[in-house]
Amino acid sequence: QVQLLESGGGLVQAGGSLRLSCSASERTFSTYAMAWFRQTPGKEREFVAAIRWSIGNAIYADSVKGRFTISRDNAKNTVYLQMNDLKPEDTAVYYCAAGLGLTMAERPYRYWGQGTQVTVSS
């Protein structure tokens, strides 16, 4: 069972930056790609970014392109989400996920972390 642990959330003012980290207990064929999703109360969870462990190619939601960067450190089994120019609408619980494919869809991601709160004040 792969375990994911997020860290790095917090409170920041609009225009500020935060870096989220997600440490995976292991990397297997079933954790081909890592992703970040986010969710606010009353809304469905939405895709933010994803990356492949092997070659590091990434995909992003349009709402975060140019502001967020996903990266990975294979030696540490850790994925990062650097968030710059944060906006109040970025406020959400951010979840790390691991799955078989590099996709924006939620279902292919089999493993999920507990989430970390990001709050952006205006």
C-alpha atoms as a PDB file:
ATOM      1  CA  GLN A   1       0.000   0.000   0.000  1.00  0.00           C
ATOM      2  CA  VAL A   2       1.544   3.264  -1.122  1.00  0.00           C
ATOM      3  CA  GLN A   3       1.297   6.053   1.418  1.00  0.00           C
ATOM      4  CA  LEU A   4       1.427   9.727   0.510  1.00  0.00           C
ATOM      5  CA  LEU A   5       2.140  12.519   2.939  1.00  0.00           C
ATOM      6  CA  GLU A   6       1.606  16.164   2.022  1.00  0.00           C
ATOM      7  CA  SER A   7       3.155  19.150   3.751  1.00  0.00           C
ATOM      8  CA  GLY A   8       3.725  22.838   3.166  1.00  0.00           C
ATOM      9  CA  GLY A   9       0.236  24.278   3.310  1.00  0.00           C
ATOM     10  CA  GLY A  10      -0.580  27.419   5.215  1.00  0.00           C
ATOM     11  CA  LEU A  11      -1.868  30.975   5.108  1.00  0.00           C
ATOM     12  CA  VAL A  12      -0.434  33.444   2.620  1.00  0.00           C
ATOM     13  CA  GLN A  13      -1.435  36.820   1.222  1.00  0.00           C
ATOM     14  CA  ALA A  14      -2.513  37.238  -2.361  1.00  0.00           C
ATOM     15  CA  GLY A  15       0.511  37.484  -4.611  1.00  0.00           C
ATOM     16  CA  GLY A  16       2.586  35.341  -2.299  1.00  0.00           C
ATOM     17  CA  SER A  17       4.099  31.889  -2.757  1.00  0.00           C
ATOM     18  CA  LEU A  18       3.979  28.479  -1.141  1.00  0.00           C
ATOM     19  CA  ARG A  19       5.629  25.163  -1.912  1.00  0.00           C
ATOM     20  CA  LEU A  20       3.788  21.939  -1.219  1.00  0.00           C
ATOM     21  CA  SER A  21       5.594  18.628  -0.830  1.00  0.00           C
ATOM     22  CA  CYS A  22       4.308  15.089  -1.220  1.00  0.00           C
ATOM     23  CA  SER A  23       6.450  12.214  -0.013  1.00  0.00           C
ATOM     24  CA  ALA A  24       5.628   8.739  -1.305  1.00  0.00           C
ATOM     25  CA  SER A  25       6.457   5.633   0.716  1.00  0.00           C
ATOM     26  CA  GLU A  26       7.545   3.892  -2.468  1.00  0.00           C
ATOM     27  CA  ARG A  27       7.525   4.124  -6.245  1.00  0.00           C
ATOM     28  CA  THR A  28       6.087   1.220  -8.166  1.00  0.00           C
ATOM     29  CA  PHE A  29       4.481   0.598 -11.537  1.00  0.00           C
ATOM     30  CA  SER A  30       1.214   1.678  -9.951  1.00  0.00           C
ATOM     31  CA  THR A  31       2.606   5.106  -9.164  1.00  0.00           C
ATOM     32  CA  TYR A  32       3.597   5.968 -12.715  1.00  0.00           C
ATOM     33  CA  ALA A  33       2.401   9.526 -12.299  1.00  0.00           C
ATOM     34  CA  MET A  34       1.894  11.900  -9.412  1.00  0.00           C
ATOM     35  CA  ALA A  35      -0.656  14.659  -9.299  1.00  0.00           C
ATOM     36  CA  TRP A  36      -2.073  17.472  -7.241  1.00  0.00           C
ATOM     37  CA  PHE A  37      -5.789  18.068  -6.946  1.00  0.00           C
ATOM     38  CA  ARG A  38      -7.644  20.612  -4.842  1.00  0.00           C
ATOM     39  CA  GLN A  39     -11.074  20.918  -3.324  1.00  0.00           C
ATOM     40  CA  THR A  40     -13.129  23.639  -1.691  1.00  0.00           C
ATOM     41  CA  PRO A  41     -16.255  23.037   0.408  1.00  0.00           C
ATOM     42  CA  GLY A  42     -19.287  22.257  -1.680  1.00  0.00           C
ATOM     43  CA  LYS A  43     -17.308  21.758  -4.876  1.00  0.00           C
ATOM     44  CA  GLU A  44     -15.900  18.746  -6.660  1.00  0.00           C
ATOM     45  CA  ARG A  45     -12.223  18.008  -6.449  1.00  0.00           C
ATOM     46  CA  GLU A  46     -10.384  19.570  -9.376  1.00  0.00           C
ATOM     47  CA  PHE A  47      -7.149  18.743 -11.122  1.00  0.00           C
ATOM     48  CA  VAL A  48      -4.188  21.084 -10.634  1.00  0.00           C
ATOM     49  CA  ALA A  49      -1.056  19.445 -12.078  1.00  0.00           C
ATOM     50  CA  ALA A  50       0.566  16.075 -12.707  1.00  0.00           C
ATOM     51  CA  ILE A  51       4.006  14.728 -13.533  1.00  0.00           C
ATOM     52  CA  ARG A  52       5.585  11.456 -14.619  1.00  0.00           C
ATOM     53  CA  TRP A  53       8.315  10.076 -12.369  1.00  0.00           C
ATOM     54  CA  SER A  54      10.361   8.775 -15.285  1.00  0.00           C
ATOM     55  CA  ILE A  55      10.929  11.688 -17.661  1.00  0.00           C
ATOM     56  CA  GLY A  56       9.346  14.491 -15.701  1.00  0.00           C
ATOM     57  CA  ASN A  57       6.857  15.710 -18.283  1.00  0.00           C
ATOM     58  CA  ALA A  58       3.975  17.567 -16.731  1.00  0.00           C
ATOM     59  CA  ILE A  59       0.459  18.798 -17.413  1.00  0.00           C
ATOM     60  CA  TYR A  60      -1.412  21.684 -15.779  1.00  0.00           C
ATOM     61  CA  ALA A  61      -4.903  23.004 -15.367  1.00  0.00           C
ATOM     62  CA  ASP A  62      -5.436  26.209 -17.321  1.00  0.00           C
ATOM     63  CA  SER A  63      -6.204  28.078 -14.106  1.00  0.00           C
ATOM     64  CA  VAL A  64      -2.680  27.565 -12.758  1.00  0.00           C
ATOM     65  CA  LYS A  65      -0.533  27.609 -15.903  1.00  0.00           C
ATOM     66  CA  GLY A  66       2.291  30.098 -15.594  1.00  0.00           C
ATOM     67  CA  ARG A  67       1.873  30.346 -11.814  1.00  0.00           C
ATOM     68  CA  PHE A  68       2.323  26.797 -10.509  1.00  0.00           C
ATOM     69  CA  THR A  69       5.162  24.390 -11.231  1.00  0.00           C
ATOM     70  CA  ILE A  70       5.185  20.689 -10.422  1.00  0.00           C
ATOM     71  CA  SER A  71       8.508  18.910 -10.040  1.00  0.00           C
ATOM     72  CA  ARG A  72       9.889  15.707  -8.591  1.00  0.00           C
ATOM     73  CA  ASP A  73      12.949  14.410  -6.785  1.00  0.00           C
ATOM     74  CA  ASN A  74      13.227  10.745  -7.650  1.00  0.00           C
ATOM     75  CA  ALA A  75      15.907  10.098  -5.063  1.00  0.00           C
ATOM     76  CA  LYS A  76      13.604  11.342  -2.311  1.00  0.00           C
ATOM     77  CA  ASN A  77      10.357   9.928  -3.752  1.00  0.00           C
ATOM     78  CA  THR A  78       8.983  13.433  -3.373  1.00  0.00           C
ATOM     79  CA  VAL A  79       6.869  15.627  -5.609  1.00  0.00           C
ATOM     80  CA  TYR A  80       6.613  19.371  -5.188  1.00  0.00           C
ATOM     81  CA  LEU A  81       4.108  22.008  -6.197  1.00  0.00           C
ATOM     82  CA  GLN A  82       5.578  25.492  -6.303  1.00  0.00           C
ATOM     83  CA  MET A  83       2.737  27.987  -6.215  1.00  0.00           C
ATOM     84  CA  ASN A  84       3.484  31.595  -7.114  1.00  0.00           C
ATOM     85  CA  ASP A  85       1.275  34.655  -7.505  1.00  0.00           C
ATOM     86  CA  LEU A  86      -1.367  33.014  -5.362  1.00  0.00           C
ATOM     87  CA  LYS A  87      -4.935  34.259  -5.572  1.00  0.00           C
ATOM     88  CA  PRO A  88      -7.830  33.971  -3.103  1.00  0.00           C
ATOM     89  CA  GLU A  89      -9.500  31.531  -5.491  1.00  0.00           C
ATOM     90  CA  ASP A  90      -6.554  29.162  -4.990  1.00  0.00           C
ATOM     91  CA  THR A  91      -7.762  28.614  -1.432  1.00  0.00           C
ATOM     92  CA  ALA A  92      -8.515  24.908  -1.036  1.00  0.00           C
ATOM     93  CA  VAL A  93      -7.403  21.646   0.470  1.00  0.00           C
ATOM     94  CA  TYR A  94      -4.669  20.315  -1.790  1.00  0.00           C
ATOM     95  CA  TYR A  95      -4.357  16.566  -2.248  1.00  0.00           C
ATOM     96  CA  CYS A  96      -1.471  14.557  -3.592  1.00  0.00           C
ATOM     97  CA  ALA A  97      -2.317  11.489  -5.682  1.00  0.00           C
ATOM     98  CA  ALA A  98      -0.457   8.632  -7.352  1.00  0.00           C
ATOM     99  CA  GLY A  99      -1.654   6.553 -10.269  1.00  0.00           C
ATOM    100  CA  LEU A 100      -1.084   4.713 -13.475  1.00  0.00           C
ATOM    101  CA  GLY A 101      -1.422   7.483 -16.009  1.00  0.00           C
ATOM    102  CA  LEU A 102      -0.554  11.094 -16.623  1.00  0.00           C
ATOM    103  CA  THR A 103      -4.069  12.421 -16.767  1.00  0.00           C
ATOM    104  CA  MET A 104      -6.339  15.165 -15.479  1.00  0.00           C
ATOM    105  CA  ALA A 105      -9.023  12.643 -14.622  1.00  0.00           C
ATOM    106  CA  GLU A 106      -9.385  11.665 -10.996  1.00  0.00           C
ATOM    107  CA  ARG A 107     -10.277   7.994 -11.319  1.00  0.00           C
ATOM    108  CA  PRO A 108      -6.882   6.631 -12.540  1.00  0.00           C
ATOM    109  CA  TYR A 109      -5.189   7.849  -9.386  1.00  0.00           C
ATOM    110  CA  ARG A 110      -5.295   4.991  -6.895  1.00  0.00           C
ATOM    111  CA  TYR A 111      -3.540   6.474  -3.906  1.00  0.00           C
ATOM    112  CA  TRP A 112      -4.343   9.708  -2.127  1.00  0.00           C
ATOM    113  CA  GLY A 113      -2.861  11.734   0.686  1.00  0.00           C
ATOM    114  CA  GLN A 114      -4.825  13.307   3.521  1.00  0.00           C
ATOM    115  CA  GLY A 115      -4.610  16.816   2.110  1.00  0.00           C
ATOM    116  CA  THR A 116      -3.077  20.079   3.226  1.00  0.00           C
ATOM    117  CA  GLN A 117      -4.931  23.372   3.593  1.00  0.00           C
ATOM    118  CA  VAL A 118      -3.871  26.384   1.552  1.00  0.00           C
ATOM    119  CA  THR A 119      -5.522  29.683   2.388  1.00  0.00           C
ATOM    120  CA  VAL A 120      -4.878  32.832   0.381  1.00  0.00           C
ATOM    121  CA  SER A 121      -6.081  36.071   1.911  1.00  0.00           C
ATOM    122  CA  SER A 122      -6.981  39.109  -0.173  1.00  0.00           C
END
